[in-house]
Amino acid sequence: MKPAPRNLLAALPASLADEEVRALAPPGPVRIERIVSTGQRSPPGFWYDQHEAEWVMVLCGAGRIAYDDGTEEHLAAGDHTWIAPHRRHRVAWTAPDEPTVWLAVFYAP
């Protein structure tokens, strides 16, 4: 595991083959991650179905989360959302021309 950056917007890669995920706190009942996307999205047909609740915020860039009920949320810098446990979702799109930095907090409700 790479050490967590002290500034969440520091040393952002211009492009990545895959999303970069870094834990920001030691393992425990709450998981906090910085996720950097550079145009990545979930593979066709793939859905996250987590037993944890997830609160996620876009710190910079933009992304779109799609849900299996057909709804979507567009998140730009400063926007956040809460995803209930087992609400099937996927990353439908992230900005291809700038890094998108997500701050994600996962926890058991």
N, C-alpha and C. Protein backbone atom coordinates (compact mmCIF):
# COMPACT_ATOMS: atom_id res chain seq x y z
N MET A 1 0.85 -1.17 0.00
CA MET A 1 0.00 0.00 0.00
C MET A 1 0.90 1.24 0.00
N LYS A 2 0.62 2.17 -0.92
CA LYS A 2 1.36 3.42 -0.98
C LYS A 2 0.92 4.31 0.17
N PRO A 3 1.86 5.13 0.69
CA PRO A 3 1.43 6.04 1.76
C PRO A 3 0.43 7.06 1.24
N ALA A 4 -0.46 7.48 2.11
CA ALA A 4 -1.47 8.47 1.75
C ALA A 4 -0.81 9.83 1.56
N PRO A 5 -1.21 10.57 0.55
CA PRO A 5 -0.66 11.91 0.38
C PRO A 5 -1.17 12.83 1.48
N ARG A 6 -0.35 13.78 1.88
CA ARG A 6 -0.76 14.72 2.93
C ARG A 6 -1.75 15.74 2.38
N ASN A 7 -1.63 16.08 1.10
CA ASN A 7 -2.58 16.98 0.44
C ASN A 7 -3.32 16.14 -0.59
N LEU A 8 -4.62 16.07 -0.50
CA LEU A 8 -5.41 15.18 -1.38
C LEU A 8 -5.34 15.58 -2.85
N LEU A 9 -4.91 16.79 -3.14
CA LEU A 9 -4.84 17.24 -4.53
C LEU A 9 -3.39 17.33 -5.04
N ALA A 10 -2.44 16.84 -4.24
CA ALA A 10 -1.04 16.89 -4.61
C ALA A 10 -0.66 15.68 -5.47
N ALA A 11 0.31 15.89 -6.34
CA ALA A 11 0.91 14.82 -7.15
C ALA A 11 -0.13 14.02 -7.92
N LEU A 12 -1.06 14.71 -8.55
CA LEU A 12 -2.09 14.01 -9.34
C LEU A 12 -1.50 13.58 -10.68
N PRO A 13 -1.70 12.33 -11.04
CA PRO A 13 -1.21 11.86 -12.34
C PRO A 13 -2.04 12.44 -13.47
N ALA A 14 -1.40 12.70 -14.61
CA ALA A 14 -2.11 13.23 -15.78
C ALA A 14 -2.95 12.14 -16.44
N SER A 15 -2.45 10.92 -16.41
CA SER A 15 -3.21 9.80 -16.98
C SER A 15 -2.82 8.52 -16.24
N LEU A 16 -3.74 7.59 -16.22
CA LEU A 16 -3.55 6.31 -15.55
C LEU A 16 -4.18 5.21 -16.39
N ALA A 17 -3.61 4.02 -16.34
CA ALA A 17 -4.23 2.86 -17.00
C ALA A 17 -5.47 2.42 -16.22
N ASP A 18 -5.39 2.49 -14.89
CA ASP A 18 -6.50 2.13 -14.00
C ASP A 18 -6.63 3.22 -12.95
N GLU A 19 -7.78 3.28 -12.31
CA GLU A 19 -7.94 4.23 -11.21
C GLU A 19 -6.88 3.98 -10.15
N GLU A 20 -6.48 5.04 -9.46
CA GLU A 20 -5.53 4.93 -8.36
C GLU A 20 -6.31 5.06 -7.06
N VAL A 21 -6.20 4.06 -6.20
CA VAL A 21 -6.92 4.04 -4.93
C VAL A 21 -5.88 4.00 -3.81
N ARG A 22 -5.99 4.97 -2.88
CA ARG A 22 -5.09 5.02 -1.73
C ARG A 22 -5.90 5.13 -0.45
N ALA A 23 -5.59 4.26 0.50
CA ALA A 23 -6.22 4.33 1.82
C ALA A 23 -5.68 5.55 2.55
N LEU A 24 -6.55 6.28 3.22
CA LEU A 24 -6.15 7.48 3.95
C LEU A 24 -6.12 7.27 5.46
N ALA A 25 -6.56 6.12 5.93
CA ALA A 25 -6.57 5.82 7.36
C ALA A 25 -6.30 4.33 7.52
N PRO A 26 -5.80 3.94 8.69
CA PRO A 26 -5.55 2.51 8.92
C PRO A 26 -6.85 1.71 8.84
N PRO A 27 -6.76 0.41 8.55
CA PRO A 27 -7.96 -0.42 8.49
C PRO A 27 -8.74 -0.36 9.80
N GLY A 28 -10.06 -0.36 9.68
CA GLY A 28 -10.93 -0.30 10.85
C GLY A 28 -12.37 -0.35 10.42
N PRO A 29 -13.29 0.05 11.29
CA PRO A 29 -14.72 -0.02 10.94
C PRO A 29 -15.12 1.00 9.88
N VAL A 30 -14.28 2.01 9.64
CA VAL A 30 -14.52 3.00 8.61
C VAL A 30 -13.34 2.95 7.65
N ARG A 31 -13.63 2.93 6.36
CA ARG A 31 -12.58 2.92 5.34
C ARG A 31 -12.66 4.25 4.59
N ILE A 32 -11.53 4.95 4.52
CA ILE A 32 -11.48 6.25 3.84
C ILE A 32 -10.44 6.14 2.73
N GLU A 33 -10.86 6.50 1.51
CA GLU A 33 -9.98 6.36 0.35
C GLU A 33 -9.96 7.62 -0.50
N ARG A 34 -8.79 7.88 -1.10
CA ARG A 34 -8.69 8.86 -2.18
C ARG A 34 -8.62 8.04 -3.46
N ILE A 35 -9.52 8.33 -4.39
CA ILE A 35 -9.56 7.64 -5.67
C ILE A 35 -9.32 8.67 -6.75
N VAL A 36 -8.37 8.40 -7.65
CA VAL A 36 -8.09 9.30 -8.75
C VAL A 36 -8.47 8.59 -10.04
N SER A 37 -9.31 9.24 -10.83
CA SER A 37 -9.74 8.73 -12.14
C SER A 37 -9.26 9.69 -13.21
N THR A 38 -8.86 9.14 -14.34
CA THR A 38 -8.48 9.96 -15.49
C THR A 38 -9.20 9.41 -16.73
N GLY A 39 -10.52 9.47 -16.68
CA GLY A 39 -11.34 8.98 -17.79
C GLY A 39 -11.83 7.56 -17.61
N GLN A 40 -11.47 6.90 -16.51
CA GLN A 40 -11.93 5.52 -16.30
C GLN A 40 -13.42 5.48 -16.00
N ARG A 41 -14.00 4.33 -16.24
CA ARG A 41 -15.38 4.04 -15.87
C ARG A 41 -15.48 2.54 -15.62
N SER A 42 -16.56 2.13 -15.00
CA SER A 42 -16.75 0.71 -14.72
C SER A 42 -16.95 -0.04 -16.04
N PRO A 43 -16.47 -1.29 -16.10
CA PRO A 43 -16.66 -2.09 -17.31
C PRO A 43 -18.15 -2.30 -17.61
N PRO A 44 -18.53 -2.44 -18.88
CA PRO A 44 -19.93 -2.69 -19.22
C PRO A 44 -20.47 -3.90 -18.44
N GLY A 45 -21.65 -3.74 -17.89
CA GLY A 45 -22.29 -4.84 -17.16
C GLY A 45 -21.82 -5.02 -15.72
N PHE A 46 -20.79 -4.27 -15.29
CA PHE A 46 -20.29 -4.40 -13.92
C PHE A 46 -21.05 -3.46 -13.00
N TRP A 47 -21.41 -3.98 -11.81
CA TRP A 47 -22.10 -3.17 -10.80
C TRP A 47 -21.44 -3.39 -9.45
N TYR A 48 -21.18 -2.30 -8.72
CA TYR A 48 -20.78 -2.43 -7.32
C TYR A 48 -22.03 -2.80 -6.55
N ASP A 49 -21.90 -3.75 -5.62
CA ASP A 49 -22.99 -4.15 -4.73
C ASP A 49 -22.35 -4.38 -3.37
N GLN A 50 -22.17 -3.32 -2.62
CA GLN A 50 -21.40 -3.32 -1.39
C GLN A 50 -22.27 -3.53 -0.17
N HIS A 51 -21.73 -4.22 0.82
CA HIS A 51 -22.45 -4.37 2.09
C HIS A 51 -22.30 -3.12 2.96
N GLU A 52 -21.40 -2.22 2.58
CA GLU A 52 -21.16 -0.99 3.33
C GLU A 52 -21.97 0.16 2.72
N ALA A 53 -22.25 1.17 3.53
CA ALA A 53 -22.74 2.45 3.01
C ALA A 53 -21.52 3.20 2.49
N GLU A 54 -21.75 4.11 1.53
CA GLU A 54 -20.65 4.89 0.98
C GLU A 54 -21.07 6.35 0.84
N TRP A 55 -20.26 7.22 1.41
CA TRP A 55 -20.40 8.66 1.18
C TRP A 55 -19.22 9.03 0.30
N VAL A 56 -19.49 9.72 -0.80
CA VAL A 56 -18.43 10.06 -1.75
C VAL A 56 -18.57 11.52 -2.16
N MET A 57 -17.41 12.18 -2.32
CA MET A 57 -17.38 13.58 -2.73
C MET A 57 -16.34 13.73 -3.82
N VAL A 58 -16.64 14.57 -4.81
CA VAL A 58 -15.66 14.90 -5.84
C VAL A 58 -14.93 16.16 -5.39
N LEU A 59 -13.62 16.06 -5.25
CA LEU A 59 -12.81 17.20 -4.83
C LEU A 59 -12.40 18.06 -6.02
N CYS A 60 -12.13 17.43 -7.15
CA CYS A 60 -11.85 18.15 -8.40
C CYS A 60 -12.18 17.22 -9.55
N GLY A 61 -12.41 17.81 -10.73
CA GLY A 61 -12.83 17.02 -11.88
C GLY A 61 -14.33 16.82 -11.86
N ALA A 62 -14.77 15.73 -12.47
CA ALA A 62 -16.20 15.42 -12.54
C ALA A 62 -16.39 13.94 -12.84
N GLY A 63 -17.52 13.42 -12.42
CA GLY A 63 -17.85 12.03 -12.68
C GLY A 63 -19.35 11.82 -12.66
N ARG A 64 -19.77 10.67 -13.13
CA ARG A 64 -21.18 10.34 -13.16
C ARG A 64 -21.35 8.93 -12.60
N ILE A 65 -22.25 8.79 -11.64
CA ILE A 65 -22.57 7.49 -11.05
C ILE A 65 -23.93 7.05 -11.59
N ALA A 66 -23.99 5.84 -12.12
CA ALA A 66 -25.25 5.28 -12.62
C ALA A 66 -25.73 4.21 -11.65
N TYR A 67 -27.04 4.13 -11.50
CA TYR A 67 -27.66 3.14 -10.62
C TYR A 67 -28.46 2.15 -11.48
N ASP A 68 -28.66 0.95 -10.94
CA ASP A 68 -29.34 -0.08 -11.74
C ASP A 68 -30.82 0.20 -11.94
N ASP A 69 -31.36 1.24 -11.30
CA ASP A 69 -32.75 1.63 -11.56
C ASP A 69 -32.86 2.62 -12.72
N GLY A 70 -31.71 2.91 -13.36
CA GLY A 70 -31.71 3.79 -14.53
C GLY A 70 -31.40 5.25 -14.21
N THR A 71 -31.31 5.61 -12.93
CA THR A 71 -30.99 6.98 -12.58
C THR A 71 -29.48 7.19 -12.59
N GLU A 72 -29.08 8.45 -12.74
CA GLU A 72 -27.67 8.82 -12.73
C GLU A 72 -27.49 10.10 -11.93
N GLU A 73 -26.32 10.25 -11.33
CA GLU A 73 -25.95 11.48 -10.64
C GLU A 73 -24.66 12.00 -11.25
N HIS A 74 -24.66 13.27 -11.66
CA HIS A 74 -23.45 13.92 -12.13
C HIS A 74 -22.85 14.66 -10.95
N LEU A 75 -21.59 14.42 -10.67
CA LEU A 75 -20.91 15.06 -9.56
C LEU A 75 -19.75 15.89 -10.09
N ALA A 76 -19.72 17.16 -9.75
CA ALA A 76 -18.62 18.06 -10.07
C ALA A 76 -17.92 18.43 -8.77
N ALA A 77 -16.85 19.20 -8.87
CA ALA A 77 -16.07 19.58 -7.69
C ALA A 77 -16.99 20.16 -6.60
N GLY A 78 -16.89 19.59 -5.42
CA GLY A 78 -17.70 20.03 -4.29
C GLY A 78 -18.98 19.25 -4.08
N ASP A 79 -19.41 18.49 -5.08
CA ASP A 79 -20.64 17.69 -4.95
C ASP A 79 -20.36 16.39 -4.19
N HIS A 80 -21.37 15.94 -3.45
CA HIS A 80 -21.23 14.66 -2.74
C HIS A 80 -22.56 13.93 -2.78
N THR A 81 -22.50 12.63 -2.49
CA THR A 81 -23.70 11.81 -2.45
C THR A 81 -23.49 10.68 -1.46
N TRP A 82 -24.58 10.05 -1.06
CA TRP A 82 -24.55 8.91 -0.17
C TRP A 82 -25.18 7.74 -0.91
N ILE A 83 -24.52 6.59 -0.83
CA ILE A 83 -25.01 5.38 -1.51
C ILE A 83 -25.31 4.34 -0.44
N ALA A 84 -26.55 3.90 -0.39
CA ALA A 84 -26.98 2.92 0.61
C ALA A 84 -26.33 1.57 0.36
N PRO A 85 -26.17 0.75 1.41
CA PRO A 85 -25.65 -0.60 1.21
C PRO A 85 -26.50 -1.36 0.18
N HIS A 86 -25.85 -2.11 -0.65
CA HIS A 86 -26.46 -2.95 -1.68
C HIS A 86 -27.24 -2.18 -2.74
N ARG A 87 -27.05 -0.86 -2.81
CA ARG A 87 -27.63 -0.13 -3.95
C ARG A 87 -26.63 -0.27 -5.10
N ARG A 88 -27.04 -1.05 -6.08
CA ARG A 88 -26.13 -1.35 -7.19
C ARG A 88 -25.84 -0.08 -7.99
N HIS A 89 -24.54 0.16 -8.20
CA HIS A 89 -24.11 1.37 -8.89
C HIS A 89 -22.81 1.10 -9.64
N ARG A 90 -22.49 2.01 -10.52
CA ARG A 90 -21.25 1.92 -11.29
C ARG A 90 -20.80 3.32 -11.64
N VAL A 91 -19.52 3.46 -11.97
CA VAL A 91 -19.00 4.73 -12.46
C VAL A 91 -19.27 4.74 -13.96
N ALA A 92 -20.15 5.62 -14.39
CA ALA A 92 -20.55 5.67 -15.80
C ALA A 92 -19.60 6.52 -16.63
N TRP A 93 -18.93 7.49 -15.98
CA TRP A 93 -18.08 8.41 -16.72
C TRP A 93 -17.23 9.20 -15.74
N THR A 94 -15.99 9.50 -16.13
CA THR A 94 -15.17 10.48 -15.42
C THR A 94 -14.51 11.37 -16.46
N ALA A 95 -14.20 12.59 -16.07
CA ALA A 95 -13.63 13.57 -16.98
C ALA A 95 -12.36 13.02 -17.63
N PRO A 96 -12.29 13.03 -18.96
CA PRO A 96 -11.11 12.48 -19.63
C PRO A 96 -9.96 13.47 -19.75
N ASP A 97 -10.23 14.77 -19.54
CA ASP A 97 -9.22 15.79 -19.79
C ASP A 97 -8.60 16.37 -18.53
N GLU A 98 -8.99 15.87 -17.36
CA GLU A 98 -8.42 16.31 -16.09
C GLU A 98 -8.64 15.21 -15.06
N PRO A 99 -7.77 15.12 -14.05
CA PRO A 99 -8.00 14.11 -13.02
C PRO A 99 -9.27 14.41 -12.23
N THR A 100 -9.99 13.37 -11.91
CA THR A 100 -11.12 13.45 -10.99
C THR A 100 -10.67 12.81 -9.68
N VAL A 101 -10.76 13.57 -8.60
CA VAL A 101 -10.36 13.06 -7.30
C VAL A 101 -11.62 12.88 -6.46
N TRP A 102 -11.84 11.63 -6.05
CA TRP A 102 -12.98 11.25 -5.22
C TRP A 102 -12.47 11.04 -3.79
N LEU A 103 -13.22 11.50 -2.81
CA LEU A 103 -12.99 11.17 -1.42
C LEU A 103 -14.13 10.26 -1.02
N ALA A 104 -13.81 9.00 -0.70
CA ALA A 104 -14.85 8.01 -0.41
C ALA A 104 -14.71 7.51 1.03
N VAL A 105 -15.84 7.46 1.72
CA VAL A 105 -15.89 6.96 3.08
C VAL A 105 -16.89 5.80 3.10
N PHE A 106 -16.41 4.62 3.50
CA PHE A 106 -17.22 3.40 3.55
C PHE A 106 -17.40 3.00 5.01
N TYR A 107 -18.63 2.62 5.39
CA TYR A 107 -18.88 2.24 6.77
C TYR A 107 -20.12 1.36 6.85
N ALA A 108 -20.18 0.58 7.92
CA ALA A 108 -21.37 -0.23 8.18
C ALA A 108 -22.42 0.67 8.82
N PRO A 109 -23.62 0.72 8.27
CA PRO A 109 -24.64 1.62 8.83
C PRO A 109 -25.14 1.11 10.18
